[in-house]
């Protein structure tokens, strides 16, 4: 389907449409059926847009004590239609058509319980979706609800509290304010935000006619919340599963499943699977050529979703969505796994997740370029050729050299020797190149992995043994145990984000 741009001339709409059907020409019949479907879709979209405008204007009129017609003129969609009708190109910075400096569109998705649920405005689903309009790549980054959000004075709140706090303070603007706060935290522009509650989610899936989800693992959750503060059991089998709205809601909400599906991280992954299934259903001709479904979807959007996207914005995004396929979609979930980006902590009796690198640099890097998968990211950290390291612990964390050794071995490095440095208290990790500059790429790679400083000191032969030694800046002698060692690493506080949690050693 070809969508007409905003700067198209209005006269295009004025041309009469002639539909001729030759019952004896089956080829022509198929063409006319396609034309009829396109025309039906267009008018269904038009009806949906008008219904959305009327509902929005009525709500604003009731809120502001003005007339429906007065508020209708103030709606963003009407202003955009004016641009459309007059042929103006400048649609404003918030339009989905607006050109961005980095050729990206970033949309924040928030899922809340809604009225009738405990913590109605807590956003237990937070997904940052990014689309690169140049490379036509799409990425989803799931942010766990327990991520610690800094509120100043060394205090933190769970990030899922943001929407509830802002919604109470700025009714109707909780989603927008949350997007602004997360944008500032991750140092990334967020162009639009969409917030949907449980009822809206289920209704939307039902309006689609259900979705087909590829369930990755079978699991059973015997503690799924039921009405009246009760519990019930839900089960899912691995494989392709058709889900209606309520089933899909149970699939994405379940938090106590077995078989590794009981964590918030597993739940985040399931949410991404459903979003992909929704995309597939939206792109199917069964949806695009069905005016009744399109009308139902618009009704759901206008009644159950809080967003700064206008109806025209949503339509303008459709051509981008149609270009997506599984080969150019990347999904990331921030986790506290051994190779994850987060570490758990107990803050005043409350479970929270903190970035392993306390300056947020690792998470901000992922948010800035979510199109790189964890697998590809790991490949970039692997040595291009066999490299032997010797690791010494210069921190006050007991056993830290062993932990870093295991981490670097998992990346493909050889570590013939590790142990303690001659003294503790290093603030910065120091990297000594024993190759004489023969491995410059590996030096740069290790410097990045360890957040290390590179020393120009050269090893000296010891007269009392076959070993070598490095004389550090504070005149301490560090012996190099293995003759094969190419890089000596003395670990300091700057590398703690690689393994250690964010909080202080006394809290371990």
Protein backbone atom coordinates (compact mmCIF):
# COMPACT_ATOMS: atom_id res chain seq x y z
CA UNK A 1 0.00 0.00 0.00
CA UNK A 2 1.33 3.42 -0.93
CA UNK A 3 0.62 6.11 1.67
CA UNK A 4 0.14 9.71 0.45
CA UNK A 5 2.65 12.16 1.93
CA UNK A 6 1.65 15.26 3.90
CA UNK A 7 2.84 17.59 1.15
CA UNK A 8 0.70 15.94 -1.51
CA UNK A 9 -1.81 18.18 -3.19
CA UNK A 10 -5.33 18.09 -1.89
CA UNK A 11 -6.53 17.76 -5.47
CA UNK A 12 -5.44 14.14 -5.41
CA UNK A 13 -8.40 13.42 -3.20
CA UNK A 14 -10.77 15.18 -5.58
CA UNK A 15 -10.22 12.82 -8.51
CA UNK A 16 -13.23 10.53 -9.08
CA UNK A 17 -12.65 6.83 -8.57
CA UNK A 18 -13.94 4.57 -11.30
CA UNK A 19 -14.39 0.89 -10.46
CA UNK A 20 -15.08 -1.44 -13.41
CA UNK A 21 -15.61 -5.15 -12.85
CA UNK A 22 -15.45 -7.65 -15.72
CA UNK A 23 -16.96 -10.90 -14.46
CA UNK A 24 -15.32 -12.81 -17.31
CA UNK A 25 -11.81 -11.44 -16.68
CA UNK A 26 -10.43 -13.11 -13.55
CA UNK A 27 -7.15 -11.18 -13.70
CA UNK A 28 -8.99 -7.89 -13.82
CA UNK A 29 -11.24 -9.13 -11.05
CA UNK A 30 -8.27 -9.66 -8.74
CA UNK A 31 -6.95 -6.19 -9.51
CA UNK A 32 -10.33 -4.62 -8.79
CA UNK A 33 -10.62 -6.58 -5.53
CA UNK A 34 -7.27 -5.17 -4.48
CA UNK A 35 -8.37 -1.63 -5.41
CA UNK A 36 -11.60 -2.09 -3.48
CA UNK A 37 -9.67 -3.30 -0.44
CA UNK A 38 -7.37 -0.27 -0.59
CA UNK A 39 -10.31 2.11 -0.89
CA UNK A 40 -12.03 0.38 2.04
CA UNK A 41 -8.90 0.68 4.13
CA UNK A 42 -8.59 4.39 3.34
CA UNK A 43 -12.17 5.19 4.36
CA UNK A 44 -11.92 2.97 7.44
CA UNK A 45 -8.81 4.92 8.48
CA UNK A 46 -10.65 8.19 7.82
CA UNK A 47 -13.60 7.12 9.98
CA UNK A 48 -11.26 5.99 12.73
CA UNK A 49 -9.35 9.27 12.64
CA UNK A 50 -12.54 11.32 12.86
CA UNK A 51 -13.76 9.20 15.76
CA UNK A 52 -10.43 9.69 17.53
CA UNK A 53 -10.55 13.46 16.94
CA UNK A 54 -14.08 13.68 18.32
CA UNK A 55 -13.26 11.63 21.41
CA UNK A 56 -10.09 13.62 22.11
CA UNK A 57 -11.85 16.96 21.62
CA UNK A 58 -14.72 15.93 23.91
CA UNK A 59 -12.25 14.90 26.62
CA UNK A 60 -10.35 18.20 26.34
CA UNK A 61 -13.57 20.21 26.37
CA UNK A 62 -14.72 18.47 29.55
CA UNK A 63 -11.31 19.00 31.17
CA UNK A 64 -10.94 22.66 30.17
CA UNK A 65 -14.58 23.77 30.39
CA UNK A 66 -14.65 24.83 26.73
CA UNK A 67 -16.60 23.76 23.68
CA UNK A 68 -15.87 20.66 21.61
CA UNK A 69 -15.36 22.75 18.46
CA UNK A 70 -12.92 25.09 20.19
CA UNK A 71 -10.83 22.17 21.44
CA UNK A 72 -10.98 20.40 18.09
CA UNK A 73 -9.04 23.26 16.51
CA UNK A 74 -6.34 22.87 19.19
CA UNK A 75 -5.72 19.18 18.56
CA UNK A 76 -2.29 18.37 17.02
CA UNK A 77 -3.91 16.23 14.34
CA UNK A 78 -5.96 19.22 13.07
CA UNK A 79 -2.85 21.37 12.87
CA UNK A 80 -1.14 18.59 10.95
CA UNK A 81 -4.11 18.31 8.59
CA UNK A 82 -3.76 22.05 7.91
CA UNK A 83 -0.15 21.45 6.89
CA UNK A 84 -1.33 18.56 4.75
CA UNK A 85 -4.03 20.55 2.98
CA UNK A 86 -1.86 23.63 2.36
CA UNK A 87 1.15 21.63 1.19
CA UNK A 88 3.53 22.95 3.87
CA UNK A 89 6.61 20.81 4.47
CA UNK A 90 7.47 21.80 8.02
CA UNK A 91 5.57 19.44 10.28
CA UNK A 92 7.36 20.26 13.52
CA UNK A 93 9.95 18.41 15.51
CA UNK A 94 7.50 15.95 17.09
CA UNK A 95 6.12 14.53 13.86
CA UNK A 96 7.07 11.01 12.87
CA UNK A 97 7.99 12.48 9.47
CA UNK A 98 10.48 14.93 10.98
CA UNK A 99 14.07 14.34 9.90
CA UNK A 100 16.35 13.50 12.80
CA UNK A 101 20.09 14.12 12.93
CA UNK A 102 20.84 10.43 13.55
CA UNK A 103 18.22 8.96 11.17
CA UNK A 104 16.47 7.28 14.07
CA UNK A 105 13.01 7.16 15.59
CA UNK A 106 12.94 6.21 19.30
CA UNK A 107 9.65 5.24 20.93
CA UNK A 108 9.19 4.32 24.60
CA UNK A 109 6.54 1.68 25.41
CA UNK A 110 5.09 1.58 28.93
CA UNK A 111 2.74 -1.11 30.25
CA UNK A 112 0.69 -0.43 33.39
CA UNK A 113 -2.02 -2.33 35.27
CA UNK A 114 -4.65 0.36 34.96
CA UNK A 115 -7.82 0.88 37.00
CA UNK A 116 -8.79 -2.06 39.19
CA UNK A 117 -5.23 -3.36 39.61
CA UNK A 118 -2.81 -2.91 42.48
CA UNK A 119 -0.26 -0.23 41.65
CA UNK A 120 -2.41 0.86 38.71
CA UNK A 121 0.16 3.31 37.31
CA UNK A 122 3.35 1.34 37.99
CA UNK A 123 5.02 0.72 34.64
CA UNK A 124 6.06 -2.93 34.95
CA UNK A 125 6.80 -3.03 31.23
CA UNK A 126 9.39 -0.57 29.87
CA UNK A 127 10.69 -1.09 26.34
CA UNK A 128 12.73 1.36 24.29
CA UNK A 129 12.12 0.67 20.60
CA UNK A 130 14.44 2.20 17.99
CA UNK A 131 14.20 2.26 14.21
CA UNK A 132 17.09 3.30 11.98
CA UNK A 133 15.47 4.82 8.91
CA UNK A 134 18.71 4.61 6.93
CA UNK A 135 19.73 1.00 7.54
CA UNK A 136 16.09 -0.12 8.11
CA UNK A 137 17.07 -1.88 11.33
CA UNK A 138 14.79 -2.21 14.35
CA UNK A 139 15.77 -2.83 17.98
CA UNK A 140 13.98 -3.37 21.27
CA UNK A 141 15.71 -2.77 24.62
CA UNK A 142 13.80 -4.02 27.68
CA UNK A 143 14.48 -2.09 30.88
CA UNK A 144 13.71 -4.05 34.09
CA UNK A 145 11.18 -2.47 36.45
CA UNK A 146 13.59 -2.87 39.40
CA UNK A 147 16.31 -0.73 37.84
CA UNK A 148 17.44 1.88 40.40
CA UNK A 149 16.64 5.39 39.21
CA UNK A 150 18.78 8.08 40.94
CA UNK A 151 16.72 10.86 42.55
CA UNK A 152 19.63 12.79 44.08
CA UNK A 153 21.46 12.83 47.41
CA UNK A 154 22.59 9.21 46.83
CA UNK A 155 18.96 8.03 46.93
CA UNK A 156 17.14 5.82 44.44
CA UNK A 157 13.68 4.69 43.38
CA UNK A 158 12.67 1.77 41.23
CA UNK A 159 12.27 3.05 37.70
CA UNK A 160 8.74 1.62 37.43
CA UNK A 161 7.60 4.22 40.01
CA UNK A 162 8.24 7.13 37.66
CA UNK A 163 4.96 6.99 35.75
CA UNK A 164 2.90 6.69 38.96
CA UNK A 165 4.69 9.67 40.52
CA UNK A 166 4.32 11.87 37.43
CA UNK A 167 0.74 10.78 36.78
CA UNK A 168 -0.24 11.83 40.31
CA UNK A 169 1.52 15.17 39.91
CA UNK A 170 0.63 15.81 36.25
CA UNK A 171 -2.62 13.93 35.45
CA UNK A 172 -2.65 12.71 31.87
CA UNK A 173 1.06 13.45 31.35
CA UNK A 174 2.67 10.59 33.27
CA UNK A 175 3.90 8.83 30.15
CA UNK A 176 5.38 12.00 28.65
CA UNK A 177 7.19 12.96 31.88
CA UNK A 178 8.50 9.40 32.29
CA UNK A 179 9.91 9.48 28.77
CA UNK A 180 11.66 12.76 29.54
CA UNK A 181 13.20 11.31 32.73
CA UNK A 182 14.42 8.12 31.01
CA UNK A 183 15.72 10.19 28.10
CA UNK A 184 17.85 12.22 30.50
CA UNK A 185 19.07 9.14 32.37
CA UNK A 186 20.14 7.23 29.25
CA UNK A 187 21.30 10.36 27.42
CA UNK A 188 19.23 9.50 24.38
CA UNK A 189 16.48 11.33 22.53
CA UNK A 190 13.01 9.79 22.87
CA UNK A 191 10.71 10.97 20.10
CA UNK A 192 7.41 9.43 21.20
CA UNK A 193 5.87 7.47 24.06
CA UNK A 194 3.01 4.96 24.17
CA UNK A 195 1.40 3.78 27.42
CA UNK A 196 -1.17 0.98 27.50
CA UNK A 197 -2.95 -0.75 30.41
CA UNK A 198 -3.86 -4.43 30.83
CA UNK A 199 -7.42 -4.04 29.55
CA UNK A 200 -6.28 -2.01 26.56
CA UNK A 201 -3.62 -4.60 25.73
CA UNK A 202 -6.07 -7.52 25.82
CA UNK A 203 -8.69 -5.58 23.87
CA UNK A 204 -6.13 -4.60 21.23
CA UNK A 205 -5.05 -8.24 20.75
CA UNK A 206 -8.69 -9.33 20.45
CA UNK A 207 -9.35 -6.56 17.91
CA UNK A 208 -6.50 -8.04 15.84
CA UNK A 209 -8.18 -11.43 15.98
CA UNK A 210 -5.47 -12.80 18.26
CA UNK A 211 -1.78 -13.30 17.54
CA UNK A 212 0.47 -16.29 16.81
CA UNK A 213 3.37 -16.38 19.28
CA UNK A 214 6.40 -18.66 19.04
CA UNK A 215 6.68 -19.78 22.68
CA UNK A 216 10.35 -20.54 23.29
CA UNK A 217 10.03 -22.71 26.44
CA UNK A 218 7.21 -24.63 28.12
CA UNK A 219 6.40 -23.42 31.63
CA UNK A 220 3.79 -23.49 34.38
CA UNK A 221 2.95 -20.65 36.75
CA UNK A 222 0.80 -21.74 39.70
CA UNK A 223 0.80 -18.26 41.29
CA UNK A 224 -0.76 -16.14 38.57
CA UNK A 225 -2.98 -13.38 40.08
CA UNK A 226 -6.74 -13.93 39.78
CA UNK A 227 -9.70 -11.70 40.73
CA UNK A 228 -10.46 -11.40 44.44
CA UNK A 229 -6.78 -11.52 45.44
CA UNK A 230 -6.65 -15.22 44.55
CA UNK A 231 -4.23 -17.30 42.47
CA UNK A 232 -4.63 -19.57 39.48
CA UNK A 233 -2.41 -21.79 37.36
CA UNK A 234 -1.46 -20.93 33.78
CA UNK A 235 0.48 -23.19 31.42
CA UNK A 236 2.19 -22.64 28.09
CA UNK A 237 3.71 -25.22 25.77
CA UNK A 238 6.72 -24.53 23.55
CA UNK A 239 5.93 -23.91 19.92
CA UNK A 240 3.62 -21.78 17.80
CA UNK A 241 0.58 -20.81 19.88
CA UNK A 242 -2.46 -18.76 18.88
CA UNK A 243 -3.36 -16.39 21.73
CA UNK A 244 -6.40 -14.23 22.32
CA UNK A 245 -6.11 -11.04 24.35
CA UNK A 246 -6.46 -12.63 27.78
CA UNK A 247 -4.03 -15.48 26.99
CA UNK A 248 -1.45 -13.06 25.61
CA UNK A 249 -1.82 -10.95 28.76
CA UNK A 250 -1.18 -14.00 30.95
CA UNK A 251 1.86 -14.86 28.83
CA UNK A 252 3.48 -11.44 29.24
CA UNK A 253 2.46 -10.94 32.91
CA UNK A 254 3.50 -14.31 34.33
CA UNK A 255 6.28 -13.89 36.90
CA UNK A 256 6.44 -17.21 38.76
CA UNK A 257 6.87 -19.77 36.00
CA UNK A 258 9.19 -22.76 36.22
CA UNK A 259 11.78 -23.84 33.65
CA UNK A 260 13.67 -20.54 33.94
CA UNK A 261 10.61 -18.39 33.18
CA UNK A 262 10.17 -16.99 36.70
CA UNK A 263 12.33 -13.88 36.37
CA UNK A 264 11.48 -10.38 35.20
CA UNK A 265 14.16 -10.81 32.55
CA UNK A 266 12.37 -13.85 31.08
CA UNK A 267 9.12 -11.89 31.23
CA UNK A 268 10.74 -9.03 29.30
CA UNK A 269 11.77 -11.48 26.60
CA UNK A 270 8.19 -12.81 26.34
CA UNK A 271 6.89 -9.26 25.99
CA UNK A 272 9.22 -8.76 23.04
CA UNK A 273 7.93 -11.98 21.44
CA UNK A 274 4.35 -10.73 21.65
CA UNK A 275 5.30 -7.34 20.17
CA UNK A 276 6.88 -9.17 17.23
CA UNK A 277 3.73 -11.28 16.85
CA UNK A 278 1.60 -8.11 16.84
CA UNK A 279 3.83 -6.68 14.12
CA UNK A 280 3.38 -9.81 12.00
CA UNK A 281 -0.39 -9.67 12.41
CA UNK A 282 -0.59 -5.97 11.57
CA UNK A 283 1.38 -6.56 8.37
CA UNK A 284 -0.82 -9.40 7.20
CA UNK A 285 -3.37 -8.63 4.47
CA UNK A 286 -6.01 -10.07 6.76
CA UNK A 287 -5.63 -6.93 8.89
CA UNK A 288 -4.74 -4.27 6.32
CA UNK A 289 -7.69 -5.20 4.06
CA UNK A 290 -10.27 -5.54 6.84
CA UNK A 291 -12.03 -2.19 7.56
CA UNK A 292 -13.83 -3.63 10.60
CA UNK A 293 -10.54 -4.62 12.25
CA UNK A 294 -8.97 -1.25 11.49
CA UNK A 295 -11.97 0.55 13.00
CA UNK A 296 -11.79 -1.61 16.14
CA UNK A 297 -8.05 -0.94 16.46
CA UNK A 298 -8.61 2.82 16.28
CA UNK A 299 -11.30 2.58 18.95
CA UNK A 300 -8.87 0.72 21.22
CA UNK A 301 -6.13 3.26 20.58
CA UNK A 302 -8.37 6.24 21.33
CA UNK A 303 -9.82 4.71 24.50
CA UNK A 304 -7.02 2.75 26.15
CA UNK A 305 -3.68 4.26 25.14
CA UNK A 306 -1.92 7.41 26.35
CA UNK A 307 0.48 8.69 23.70
CA UNK A 308 1.83 11.82 22.09
CA UNK A 309 1.52 10.15 18.68
CA UNK A 310 -1.28 11.66 16.60
CA UNK A 311 -3.35 9.56 14.20
CA UNK A 312 -1.33 10.95 11.30
CA UNK A 313 1.90 10.03 13.09
CA UNK A 314 0.71 6.44 13.43
CA UNK A 315 -0.17 6.24 9.76
CA UNK A 316 3.18 7.76 8.79
CA UNK A 317 5.02 5.04 10.72
CA UNK A 318 3.31 2.22 8.80
CA UNK A 319 5.67 2.35 5.76
CA UNK A 320 8.62 1.90 8.14
CA UNK A 321 7.00 -1.08 9.87
CA UNK A 322 6.30 -2.82 6.56
CA UNK A 323 10.04 -2.92 5.83
CA UNK A 324 10.84 -4.98 8.94
CA UNK A 325 11.73 -8.65 8.88
CA UNK A 326 13.27 -10.98 11.44
CA UNK A 327 16.72 -10.54 9.89
CA UNK A 328 17.01 -6.86 10.85
CA UNK A 329 15.47 -6.97 14.33
CA UNK A 330 17.66 -6.93 17.46
CA UNK A 331 16.29 -7.59 20.94
CA UNK A 332 18.16 -6.81 24.15
CA UNK A 333 17.20 -7.32 27.80
CA UNK A 334 19.24 -5.70 30.58
CA UNK A 335 19.96 -8.48 33.10
CA UNK A 336 22.02 -9.38 36.16
CA UNK A 337 23.38 -12.57 34.55
CA UNK A 338 27.11 -13.29 34.63
CA UNK A 339 27.46 -11.54 31.29
CA UNK A 340 24.80 -8.95 32.06
CA UNK A 341 24.94 -5.23 32.67
CA UNK A 342 23.29 -5.11 36.12
CA UNK A 343 23.99 -6.15 39.70
CA UNK A 344 21.38 -6.74 42.44
CA UNK A 345 21.46 -4.83 45.72
CA UNK A 346 19.36 -4.49 48.86
CA UNK A 347 18.54 -0.84 49.50
CA UNK A 348 16.67 -0.30 52.75
CA UNK A 349 15.10 -3.74 52.47
CA UNK A 350 14.08 -3.18 48.84
CA UNK A 351 15.46 -5.19 45.93
CA UNK A 352 16.98 -3.03 43.20
CA UNK A 353 19.23 -3.45 40.19
CA UNK A 354 22.22 -1.16 39.64
CA UNK A 355 24.48 -0.78 36.61
CA UNK A 356 27.72 -2.71 37.00
CA UNK A 357 29.52 0.38 35.72
CA UNK A 358 28.38 3.09 38.14
CA UNK A 359 28.76 5.88 35.59
CA UNK A 360 25.98 4.24 33.48
CA UNK A 361 28.37 4.23 30.49
CA UNK A 362 27.68 0.60 29.51
CA UNK A 363 23.88 0.95 29.55
CA UNK A 364 24.01 4.31 27.80
CA UNK A 365 26.20 2.79 25.08
CA UNK A 366 23.62 0.05 24.51
CA UNK A 367 20.77 2.57 24.41
CA UNK A 368 22.71 4.70 21.94
CA UNK A 369 23.30 1.72 19.64
CA UNK A 370 20.80 -1.06 20.44
CA UNK A 371 21.18 -2.53 16.96
CA UNK A 372 24.28 -4.46 18.07
CA UNK A 373 23.23 -7.79 19.61
CA UNK A 374 24.85 -9.19 22.73
CA UNK A 375 26.42 -11.92 20.60
CA UNK A 376 27.94 -9.40 18.19
CA UNK A 377 29.07 -7.26 21.10
CA UNK A 378 30.84 -10.23 22.65
CA UNK A 379 32.61 -10.96 19.36
CA UNK A 380 34.01 -7.43 19.34
CA UNK A 381 35.60 -8.10 22.75
CA UNK A 382 37.26 -11.34 21.70
CA UNK A 383 40.99 -11.29 20.84
CA UNK A 384 41.81 -11.57 17.16
CA UNK A 385 44.75 -13.88 17.96
CA UNK A 386 45.88 -15.92 21.01
CA UNK A 387 46.81 -13.50 23.81
CA UNK A 388 48.32 -14.41 27.21
CA UNK A 389 47.52 -12.23 30.22
CA UNK A 390 48.73 -12.06 33.81
CA UNK A 391 46.25 -10.52 36.23
CA UNK A 392 46.99 -9.08 39.67
CA UNK A 393 44.41 -7.79 42.13
CA UNK A 394 45.17 -4.23 43.26
CA UNK A 395 41.71 -3.68 44.83
CA UNK A 396 40.35 -4.43 48.30
CA UNK A 397 37.89 -6.96 46.87
CA UNK A 398 38.96 -10.45 47.85
CA UNK A 399 39.13 -12.86 44.92
CA UNK A 400 38.63 -10.18 42.30
CA UNK A 401 41.57 -11.33 40.17
CA UNK A 402 39.98 -14.79 39.89
CA UNK A 403 36.62 -13.31 38.86
CA UNK A 404 38.19 -11.15 36.17
CA UNK A 405 40.26 -14.12 35.01
CA UNK A 406 37.10 -16.16 34.48
CA UNK A 407 35.49 -13.28 32.62
CA UNK A 408 38.44 -12.78 30.26
CA UNK A 409 38.78 -16.51 29.69
CA UNK A 410 35.14 -16.58 28.58
CA UNK A 411 36.09 -14.01 25.93
CA UNK A 412 38.90 -16.21 24.63
CA UNK A 413 41.96 -14.86 26.48
CA UNK A 414 44.62 -17.15 27.94
CA UNK A 415 45.47 -16.37 31.58
CA UNK A 416 48.43 -18.53 32.71
CA UNK A 417 48.82 -16.68 36.03
CA UNK A 418 46.75 -14.53 38.41
CA UNK A 419 47.06 -13.42 42.04
CA UNK A 420 47.41 -10.36 44.29
CA UNK A 421 49.41 -7.23 43.54
CA UNK A 422 52.22 -6.20 45.88
CA UNK A 423 49.92 -3.62 47.43
CA UNK A 424 46.22 -2.65 47.40
CA UNK A 425 44.29 0.54 46.82
CA UNK A 426 44.66 1.09 43.08
CA UNK A 427 42.03 3.55 41.84
CA UNK A 428 42.74 2.91 38.18
CA UNK A 429 43.50 -0.39 36.48
CA UNK A 430 46.94 -0.30 34.89
CA UNK A 431 47.76 -2.17 31.69
CA UNK A 432 51.41 -3.03 30.84
CA UNK A 433 52.26 -3.98 27.25
CA UNK A 434 55.05 -6.57 27.29
CA UNK A 435 54.98 -7.15 23.51
CA UNK A 436 56.94 -4.04 22.60
CA UNK A 437 53.96 -2.60 20.72
CA UNK A 438 53.43 -5.65 18.51
CA UNK A 439 49.73 -6.07 19.46
CA UNK A 440 48.24 -2.55 19.21
CA UNK A 441 44.68 -3.74 18.50
CA UNK A 442 44.66 -5.97 21.57
CA UNK A 443 46.04 -3.14 23.68
CA UNK A 444 43.13 -0.93 22.62
CA UNK A 445 40.61 -3.75 23.17
CA UNK A 446 41.85 -4.55 26.70
CA UNK A 447 41.96 -0.87 27.60
CA UNK A 448 38.28 -0.59 26.66
CA UNK A 449 37.18 -3.80 28.41
CA UNK A 450 38.98 -2.95 31.68
CA UNK A 451 38.65 0.86 31.60
CA UNK A 452 42.40 0.88 32.17
CA UNK A 453 45.33 3.27 31.91
CA UNK A 454 48.24 2.17 29.74
CA UNK A 455 51.71 2.40 31.31
CA UNK A 456 54.85 2.99 29.32
CA UNK A 457 56.99 1.05 31.81
CA UNK A 458 59.00 -1.82 30.34
CA UNK A 459 59.81 -5.14 32.05
CA UNK A 460 63.23 -5.83 33.51
CA UNK A 461 65.01 -9.18 33.82
CA UNK A 462 65.56 -10.31 37.42
CA UNK A 463 69.05 -11.52 38.30
CA UNK A 464 67.86 -13.95 40.98
CA UNK A 465 65.44 -15.88 38.72
CA UNK A 466 64.19 -16.38 35.19
CA UNK A 467 61.26 -14.08 35.88
CA UNK A 468 60.65 -10.55 34.68
CA UNK A 469 59.37 -7.63 36.73
CA UNK A 470 57.71 -4.25 36.27
CA UNK A 471 58.60 -1.26 38.42
CA UNK A 472 55.34 0.61 39.01
CA UNK A 473 54.94 4.38 39.31
CA UNK A 474 55.10 4.16 43.11
CA UNK A 475 58.34 2.15 42.84
CA UNK A 476 56.74 -1.17 43.76
CA UNK A 477 58.10 -4.26 42.03
CA UNK A 478 55.54 -6.52 40.34
CA UNK A 479 56.91 -9.90 39.29
CA UNK A 480 55.68 -11.51 36.08
CA UNK A 481 55.27 -15.20 36.81
CA UNK A 482 54.63 -16.70 33.37
CA UNK A 483 57.17 -16.39 30.59
CA UNK A 484 54.38 -16.36 27.98
CA UNK A 485 52.65 -13.28 29.45
CA UNK A 486 52.08 -10.57 26.82
CA UNK A 487 50.09 -8.11 28.94
CA UNK A 488 50.31 -7.54 32.70
CA UNK A 489 47.11 -6.19 34.29
CA UNK A 490 46.98 -4.69 37.79
CA UNK A 491 43.30 -4.31 38.65
CA UNK A 492 42.04 -1.09 40.19
CA UNK A 493 38.64 0.37 41.15
CA UNK A 494 37.99 1.53 37.57
CA UNK A 495 37.41 -2.09 36.50
CA UNK A 496 34.87 -2.94 39.17
CA UNK A 497 32.01 -2.49 36.72
CA UNK A 498 33.25 -5.53 34.82
CA UNK A 499 32.31 -7.92 37.62
CA UNK A 500 31.54 -6.29 40.94
CA UNK A 501 28.20 -4.74 41.94
CA UNK A 502 27.66 -1.01 42.23
CA UNK A 503 27.37 -0.85 46.02
CA UNK A 504 30.27 -0.64 48.48
CA UNK A 505 32.22 -3.76 49.65
CA UNK A 506 30.76 -3.48 53.16
CA UNK A 507 27.32 -4.21 51.72
CA UNK A 508 28.33 -7.53 50.15
